[in-house]
C-alpha cells in the first residue's frame, strides 16, 4: 500500500590534555568507521547539523570560535560557554521550507562556587500533521512527524586563555516509518587572547550511539559525527572580524559525484567522465571551509556575511546558480536584549529567513531573596 500525504499547519512550537585525547580519539574512531563518504544523507539524526540560531546561520551554519556574547554559540562548541553568559536565554521560532516549524532555545548559568558554567538547549523540528491515504484517495486517518534534541553541558577555564567543555544530548526522531533515539556528546576547547583578539576553537560533535533504530532487523543507523575547528581574528583598529571554519576533518574527500554534471564528450561523441576521476585537490580542500566576516557599526549593530563552499557545490543548480551557499545577517545589541536576523540561501528554492531574540534575564526581573541565594542578579565578566 502506498501513502500520499497532505500537509496541515504545524502544531506549535588534568583538563586540557585529557580533552585533547578525547578529541583525537573521537577523530580516529569515526575516521575508521565512516570511511570516505559524501557529507549528506549518510546518517540518522541529520537535523543535528542544522544551525541553532540566526546568528549561527548567518555565519555559514557553524560557529566554534567566536567570542561574541551569544549563548547560542555554546551549542556549537561547549567550550564557548562562560561566566559572561550567566542567565542568558535565547529563543527563535521560524517557518522552515515546506511549512516545517523550527524552534531553538538555549539558556546559560554560571556557578561561581565551583567555577563552572552550565548551559541547556532544545532543538525542535515540527514537520506537521499529514493525512494518510492510499492510491485511490481513501483516508485512513492522520499522522504526525517531528524531531527534537535536548542538550545539557558545562565548561570550565584552564590556565589563562583556555576553556574546555562538554555536553550530553538526547536526540529523538518520530517519523511515519518509525521512531529512533540516540545519546550523543560533544567535547570542545577554545583559546581566546583578549590582547591579540585571536580566537581558536575545536570541537568533536555528535559522538554517540543509536539506542533505538527506526526499523527492526536492520543495522543501527550511524550518527552524524563531525570534527570541526575554526580561527577568528578581530582587528584592533578596525571593527572587523574574519573567521575561517573547517568541518568534516575526519575525512578528506567529501565531494558528491553527480553523473548529471558530466556533460562533456570525447572524440567519439561519448560522455567523458575522466575529468571526474581527477585529483580535484582545490575542490576537495575548499569543501571543508566556511568563510565569514562580521563588521561592527558603533557598539550596537553587527553585520554578518558568510560563504559555505560545500553548501554551494552540493546545492547549486548549474542553470540557475543564484546565491546558494551565501548567508547574511544583522545583530542588534541592546542593554537587555539581542535581536538577530539571518537570510541564508540554500538553493534556488528561495532564501530562509530567521529571527531570534536573546534576553539577559537577570536584567529583566529579579527573584527577591531567593534570587540572591542563587546569584540570579550577579553579572560576571565575559572574558577575564
Protein backbone atom coordinates (compact mmCIF):
# COMPACT_ATOMS: atom_id res chain seq x y z
CA UNK A 1 0.00 0.00 0.00
CA UNK A 2 1.32 3.43 -0.90
CA UNK A 3 0.53 6.53 1.07
CA UNK A 4 0.40 10.09 -0.11
CA UNK A 5 0.37 12.94 2.30
CA UNK A 6 -1.25 16.35 2.54
CA UNK A 7 0.22 18.83 4.98
CA UNK A 8 -1.74 20.64 7.61
CA UNK A 9 -0.36 23.52 9.62
CA UNK A 10 2.39 22.62 12.12
CA UNK A 11 1.21 22.11 15.67
CA UNK A 12 3.45 24.57 17.53
CA UNK A 13 6.33 25.04 18.78
CA UNK A 14 44.02 17.23 34.10
CA UNK A 15 41.83 19.34 31.94
CA UNK A 16 43.12 20.35 28.52
CA UNK A 17 45.34 17.33 27.95
CA UNK A 18 42.61 14.83 28.67
CA UNK A 19 40.21 16.73 26.46
CA UNK A 20 42.71 16.76 23.62
CA UNK A 21 42.96 12.98 23.87
CA UNK A 22 39.19 12.68 23.68
CA UNK A 23 39.09 14.86 20.58
CA UNK A 24 41.85 12.86 18.93
CA UNK A 25 40.27 9.56 19.92
CA UNK A 26 36.92 10.61 18.53
CA UNK A 27 38.55 11.64 15.28
CA UNK A 28 40.37 8.32 14.87
CA UNK A 29 37.31 6.28 15.83
CA UNK A 30 34.93 7.92 13.43
CA UNK A 31 37.50 8.10 10.66
CA UNK A 32 37.74 4.32 10.92
CA UNK A 33 34.01 3.63 10.78
CA UNK A 34 33.00 6.40 8.40
CA UNK A 35 35.39 5.85 5.52
CA UNK A 36 35.14 8.17 2.54
CA UNK A 37 31.52 9.15 2.10
CA UNK A 38 29.64 12.16 0.89
CA UNK A 39 28.67 14.65 3.56
CA UNK A 40 24.88 14.33 3.47
CA UNK A 41 22.28 11.60 3.52
CA UNK A 42 24.50 9.02 5.20
CA UNK A 43 23.33 9.32 8.80
CA UNK A 44 20.28 9.38 11.00
CA UNK A 45 19.50 12.49 13.06
CA UNK A 46 20.87 14.76 10.34
CA UNK A 47 18.85 17.62 11.83
CA UNK A 48 21.56 17.88 14.50
CA UNK A 49 23.76 19.51 11.85
CA UNK A 50 21.31 22.38 11.41
CA UNK A 51 22.31 25.78 12.83
CA UNK A 52 20.66 26.50 16.16
CA UNK A 53 20.21 30.27 15.83
CA UNK A 54 20.02 33.05 13.23
CA UNK A 55 23.49 34.23 14.24
CA UNK A 56 24.96 30.79 13.52
CA UNK A 57 23.10 30.60 10.20
CA UNK A 58 24.50 33.96 9.13
CA UNK A 59 27.99 32.67 9.91
CA UNK A 60 27.59 29.81 7.45
CA UNK A 61 25.92 27.22 9.70
CA UNK A 62 28.88 26.53 12.02
CA UNK A 63 30.49 28.72 14.71
CA UNK A 64 33.07 27.17 17.03
CA UNK A 65 35.45 30.13 17.55
CA UNK A 66 33.65 33.41 18.05
CA UNK A 67 33.98 35.37 21.33
CA UNK A 68 30.75 37.32 20.85
CA UNK A 69 28.32 37.41 23.75
CA UNK A 70 25.81 34.91 22.29
CA UNK A 71 24.60 31.91 24.28
CA UNK A 72 23.72 30.03 21.07
CA UNK A 73 27.44 29.50 20.43
CA UNK A 74 27.59 27.18 23.46
CA UNK A 75 25.67 24.55 21.49
CA UNK A 76 28.14 24.90 18.64
CA UNK A 77 31.15 24.45 20.91
CA UNK A 78 30.53 23.75 24.62
CA UNK A 79 33.83 25.47 25.47
CA UNK A 80 32.27 28.77 24.33
CA UNK A 81 30.02 28.79 27.41
CA UNK A 82 31.47 31.15 30.02
CA UNK A 83 30.53 33.28 33.07
CA UNK A 84 29.56 36.32 30.98
CA UNK A 85 26.60 34.35 29.59
CA UNK A 86 25.11 33.84 33.05
CA UNK A 87 21.29 33.98 32.90
CA UNK A 88 21.13 34.45 29.12
CA UNK A 89 18.13 32.97 27.34
CA UNK A 90 17.93 32.76 23.55
CA UNK A 91 14.84 31.67 21.62
CA UNK A 92 13.84 31.56 17.98
CA UNK A 93 10.89 30.05 16.15
CA UNK A 94 10.78 30.12 12.37
CA UNK A 95 8.89 28.71 9.44
CA UNK A 96 11.28 26.48 7.51
CA UNK A 97 10.77 25.23 3.97
CA UNK A 98 7.52 23.37 3.11
CA UNK A 99 5.77 24.56 6.25
CA UNK A 100 8.20 22.92 8.68
CA UNK A 101 8.43 24.74 12.01
CA UNK A 102 11.92 25.10 13.52
CA UNK A 103 12.47 26.09 17.16
CA UNK A 104 15.62 26.53 19.22
CA UNK A 105 16.17 27.51 22.85
CA UNK A 106 19.38 27.97 24.85
CA UNK A 107 19.96 29.01 28.46
CA UNK A 108 23.18 29.59 30.42
CA UNK A 109 24.01 29.69 34.14
CA UNK A 110 27.31 30.14 35.95
CA UNK A 111 28.00 28.64 39.38
CA UNK A 112 30.77 30.67 40.99
CA UNK A 113 31.22 28.23 43.88
CA UNK A 114 32.52 25.51 41.61
CA UNK A 115 33.71 27.90 38.88
CA UNK A 116 31.68 26.07 36.24
CA UNK A 117 29.37 27.43 33.56
CA UNK A 118 26.33 25.33 32.59
CA UNK A 119 24.00 25.51 29.62
CA UNK A 120 20.84 23.85 28.39
CA UNK A 121 19.46 23.66 24.86
CA UNK A 122 16.43 22.45 22.93
CA UNK A 123 16.24 21.88 19.19
CA UNK A 124 12.81 21.07 17.73
CA UNK A 125 11.54 20.45 14.21
CA UNK A 126 7.82 20.06 13.65
CA UNK A 127 7.09 18.58 10.23
CA UNK A 128 3.34 18.93 10.72
CA UNK A 129 0.31 16.63 10.54
CA UNK A 130 -0.31 14.53 7.44
CA UNK A 131 -3.35 12.77 6.02
CA UNK A 132 -2.75 9.08 5.41
CA UNK A 133 -4.31 7.86 2.16
CA UNK A 134 -3.98 5.02 -0.32
CA UNK A 135 -3.54 5.35 -4.11
CA UNK A 136 -7.32 5.59 -4.54
CA UNK A 137 -7.61 8.53 -2.18
CA UNK A 138 -9.17 6.64 0.69
CA UNK A 139 -8.28 8.26 4.01
CA UNK A 140 -7.10 6.21 6.98
CA UNK A 141 -6.53 9.00 9.48
CA UNK A 142 -3.58 11.29 10.19
CA UNK A 143 -0.06 11.00 11.49
CA UNK A 144 2.45 13.46 12.92
CA UNK A 145 6.21 13.78 12.45
CA UNK A 146 8.84 15.66 14.43
CA UNK A 147 12.45 15.60 15.64
CA UNK A 148 13.93 17.07 18.80
CA UNK A 149 17.09 17.07 20.88
CA UNK A 150 17.77 18.07 24.49
CA UNK A 151 21.30 19.16 25.44
CA UNK A 152 22.94 19.74 28.82
CA UNK A 153 26.56 20.83 29.06
CA UNK A 154 29.24 22.60 31.09
CA UNK A 155 32.56 24.33 30.64
CA UNK A 156 35.48 25.49 32.76
CA UNK A 157 38.54 27.66 32.33
CA UNK A 158 42.06 26.28 32.02
CA UNK A 159 45.17 28.40 32.59
CA UNK A 160 44.84 31.97 31.32
CA UNK A 161 43.31 31.81 27.85
CA UNK A 162 41.79 28.36 27.54
CA UNK A 163 38.34 26.93 28.14
CA UNK A 164 37.17 23.35 27.75
CA UNK A 165 33.67 21.95 27.78
CA UNK A 166 31.43 19.03 27.03
CA UNK A 167 27.75 18.30 26.67
CA UNK A 168 25.41 15.35 26.57
CA UNK A 169 22.37 15.28 24.34
CA UNK A 170 19.39 13.04 23.80
CA UNK A 171 18.06 13.04 20.26
CA UNK A 172 14.70 11.62 19.23
CA UNK A 173 13.03 11.23 15.87
CA UNK A 174 9.36 10.40 15.37
CA UNK A 175 8.53 9.79 11.71
CA UNK A 176 5.84 7.81 9.92
CA UNK A 177 8.13 4.88 9.24
CA UNK A 178 9.27 4.55 12.84
CA UNK A 179 10.89 6.12 15.87
CA UNK A 180 14.55 6.36 16.80
CA UNK A 181 16.54 7.53 19.81
CA UNK A 182 20.23 8.32 20.25
CA UNK A 183 22.53 9.56 23.00
CA UNK A 184 25.40 11.75 21.88
CA UNK A 185 28.10 14.02 23.25
CA UNK A 186 30.18 16.99 22.13
CA UNK A 187 33.58 17.96 23.53
CA UNK A 188 35.39 21.16 22.68
CA UNK A 189 38.23 23.54 23.51
CA UNK A 190 38.65 27.25 22.93
CA UNK A 191 41.59 29.63 23.12
CA UNK A 192 40.94 33.37 23.24
CA UNK A 193 43.52 36.11 23.78
CA UNK A 194 41.88 39.41 24.71
CA UNK A 195 45.08 41.28 23.86
CA UNK A 196 45.66 39.98 20.34
CA UNK A 197 41.95 39.23 19.70
CA UNK A 198 42.71 35.81 18.23
CA UNK A 199 40.16 33.06 18.90
CA UNK A 200 40.80 29.39 18.08
CA UNK A 201 38.32 26.60 18.73
CA UNK A 202 37.92 22.89 18.03
CA UNK A 203 35.07 20.51 18.74
CA UNK A 204 34.14 16.88 18.17
CA UNK A 205 30.37 16.80 17.63
CA UNK A 206 27.73 14.12 17.91
CA UNK A 207 29.84 11.28 19.26
CA UNK A 208 27.45 8.58 20.38
CA UNK A 209 25.22 5.65 19.55
CA UNK A 210 21.70 4.96 18.40
CA UNK A 211 19.73 3.31 21.21
CA UNK A 212 16.55 2.68 19.27
CA UNK A 213 16.62 2.28 15.50
CA UNK A 214 13.88 3.10 13.02
CA UNK A 215 13.47 -0.41 11.65
CA UNK A 216 13.91 -3.69 13.49
CA UNK A 217 16.09 -6.28 11.78
CA UNK A 218 18.33 -3.71 10.11
CA UNK A 219 21.72 -2.42 11.31
CA UNK A 220 21.81 0.57 13.64
CA UNK A 221 21.91 3.86 11.78
CA UNK A 222 25.14 5.88 12.21
CA UNK A 223 25.02 9.26 13.92
CA UNK A 224 26.21 12.49 12.20
CA UNK A 225 29.66 12.85 13.76
CA UNK A 226 31.79 15.82 12.77
CA UNK A 227 35.18 17.21 13.76
CA UNK A 228 35.43 20.98 13.35
CA UNK A 229 37.87 23.75 14.10
CA UNK A 230 37.97 27.48 13.42
CA UNK A 231 40.14 30.56 13.70
CA UNK A 232 38.81 34.09 14.07
CA UNK A 233 40.63 37.39 14.26
CA UNK A 234 39.32 40.82 15.13
CA UNK A 235 41.45 43.82 14.24
CA UNK A 236 42.34 46.32 16.96
CA UNK A 237 41.86 49.42 14.85
CA UNK A 238 39.18 48.14 12.51
CA UNK A 239 35.71 46.93 13.64
CA UNK A 240 36.02 43.77 11.56
CA UNK A 241 36.31 40.11 12.49
CA UNK A 242 37.33 37.47 9.93
CA UNK A 243 36.52 33.80 10.52
CA UNK A 244 37.66 30.62 8.78
CA UNK A 245 35.96 27.38 9.81
CA UNK A 246 36.90 23.84 8.82
CA UNK A 247 34.49 20.90 9.07
CA UNK A 248 34.48 17.18 8.23
CA UNK A 249 38.11 16.99 9.27
CA UNK A 250 37.90 13.25 9.79
CA UNK A 251 37.63 12.54 6.04
CA UNK A 252 39.31 14.13 3.07
CA UNK A 253 37.06 13.58 0.07
CA UNK A 254 33.50 14.80 0.72
CA UNK A 255 32.71 15.56 -2.92
CA UNK A 256 29.46 14.33 -4.37
CA UNK A 257 29.96 12.89 -7.83
CA UNK A 258 26.80 13.63 -9.79
CA UNK A 259 26.70 11.89 -13.19
CA UNK A 260 24.36 14.60 -14.45
CA UNK A 261 27.19 17.10 -14.17
CA UNK A 262 29.38 15.21 -16.67
CA UNK A 263 28.14 16.82 -19.85
CA UNK A 264 31.44 16.80 -21.74
CA UNK A 265 32.04 14.43 -24.67
CA UNK A 266 35.15 12.78 -26.01
CA UNK A 267 36.33 12.39 -29.61
CA UNK A 268 33.83 9.55 -30.17
CA UNK A 269 30.87 11.63 -29.01
CA UNK A 270 30.50 9.69 -25.77
CA UNK A 271 30.25 11.15 -22.29
CA UNK A 272 33.72 11.77 -20.93
CA UNK A 273 33.87 11.11 -17.18
CA UNK A 274 37.65 11.03 -16.98
CA UNK A 275 37.75 14.56 -15.62
CA UNK A 276 35.58 13.48 -12.70
CA UNK A 277 38.22 10.93 -11.74
CA UNK A 278 40.94 13.54 -11.42
CA UNK A 279 42.50 14.76 -8.25
CA UNK A 280 40.39 17.94 -7.86
CA UNK A 281 42.66 18.94 -4.99
CA UNK A 282 41.38 22.50 -4.71
CA UNK A 283 37.73 21.48 -4.82
CA UNK A 284 38.25 18.78 -2.18
CA UNK A 285 40.15 21.20 0.04
CA UNK A 286 37.72 24.11 -0.03
CA UNK A 287 34.67 21.92 0.57
CA UNK A 288 35.91 21.79 4.15
CA UNK A 289 35.88 25.61 4.53
CA UNK A 290 33.36 28.21 5.60
CA UNK A 291 34.43 31.84 5.38
CA UNK A 292 32.69 34.60 7.33
CA UNK A 293 33.12 38.22 8.30
CA UNK A 294 31.48 40.45 10.91
CA UNK A 295 31.50 44.24 10.75
CA UNK A 296 30.57 46.21 13.88
CA UNK A 297 28.83 49.56 13.39
CA UNK A 298 29.19 51.57 16.56
CA UNK A 299 28.57 49.35 19.58
CA UNK A 300 25.07 48.16 18.80
CA UNK A 301 24.91 46.75 15.28
CA UNK A 302 26.85 43.85 13.77
CA UNK A 303 26.60 42.92 10.09
CA UNK A 304 27.50 39.35 9.12
CA UNK A 305 28.24 37.68 5.78
CA UNK A 306 29.40 34.14 5.02
CA UNK A 307 30.19 31.73 2.22
CA UNK A 308 29.81 27.97 2.66
CA UNK A 309 31.68 26.34 -0.23
CA UNK A 310 30.35 22.82 0.38
CA UNK A 311 26.78 24.01 0.58
CA UNK A 312 27.07 25.87 -2.69
CA UNK A 313 28.70 22.97 -4.51
CA UNK A 314 26.11 20.48 -3.26
CA UNK A 315 23.01 22.64 -3.71
CA UNK A 316 23.70 24.89 -6.70
CA UNK A 317 21.84 24.30 -9.96
CA UNK A 318 24.07 24.82 -12.98
CA UNK A 319 21.31 26.55 -14.99
CA UNK A 320 20.39 28.89 -12.11
CA UNK A 321 23.23 29.16 -9.57
CA UNK A 322 21.75 32.08 -7.65
CA UNK A 323 23.23 32.73 -4.20
CA UNK A 324 23.32 29.16 -2.90
CA UNK A 325 25.89 28.90 -0.11
CA UNK A 326 25.79 32.55 0.93
CA UNK A 327 24.45 33.90 4.20
CA UNK A 328 23.73 37.38 5.51
CA UNK A 329 22.75 38.61 8.94
CA UNK A 330 22.37 41.54 11.28
CA UNK A 331 22.55 41.66 15.07
CA UNK A 332 21.28 44.46 17.29
CA UNK A 333 22.85 44.53 20.76
CA UNK A 334 20.85 46.39 23.40
CA UNK A 335 21.30 46.54 27.16
CA UNK A 336 18.83 43.78 27.98
CA UNK A 337 18.21 42.20 24.60
CA UNK A 338 19.91 41.00 21.47
CA UNK A 339 17.97 40.62 18.23
CA UNK A 340 19.45 38.56 15.41
CA UNK A 341 18.19 38.18 11.86
CA UNK A 342 19.62 35.92 9.16
CA UNK A 343 18.86 35.41 5.49
CA UNK A 344 20.57 32.30 4.12
CA UNK A 345 20.48 30.88 0.62
CA UNK A 346 20.43 27.10 0.39
CA UNK A 347 19.24 26.70 -3.21
CA UNK A 348 17.04 28.21 -5.90
CA UNK A 349 14.07 27.16 -3.73
CA UNK A 350 14.49 30.55 -2.09
CA UNK A 351 16.16 32.10 0.94
CA UNK A 352 15.44 31.08 4.52
CA UNK A 353 14.70 33.94 6.89
CA UNK A 354 15.28 33.57 10.63
CA UNK A 355 14.83 35.88 13.57
CA UNK A 356 15.70 35.27 17.21
CA UNK A 357 15.99 37.13 20.47
CA UNK A 358 18.43 36.78 23.38
CA UNK A 359 17.45 38.11 26.81
CA UNK A 360 19.50 38.90 29.91
CA UNK A 361 17.06 37.52 32.44
CA UNK A 362 18.86 38.98 35.45
CA UNK A 363 18.45 42.45 33.93
CA UNK A 364 14.76 41.97 33.14
CA UNK A 365 13.47 40.89 36.53
CA UNK A 366 14.65 39.77 39.96
CA UNK A 367 13.70 36.90 42.22
CA UNK A 368 13.96 38.63 45.58
CA UNK A 369 15.75 36.85 48.39
CA UNK A 370 15.54 33.55 46.56
CA UNK A 371 17.38 35.09 43.64
CA UNK A 372 20.16 36.31 45.89
CA UNK A 373 20.77 32.77 47.11
CA UNK A 374 21.34 31.51 43.58
CA UNK A 375 23.22 34.63 42.40
CA UNK A 376 20.42 35.43 39.99
CA UNK A 377 21.32 39.10 39.66
CA UNK A 378 25.09 38.62 39.57
CA UNK A 379 26.90 39.86 36.49
CA UNK A 380 30.21 38.23 35.62
CA UNK A 381 33.00 39.34 33.30
CA UNK A 382 32.59 37.92 29.84
CA UNK A 383 36.32 37.32 29.29
CA UNK A 384 38.93 37.75 32.01
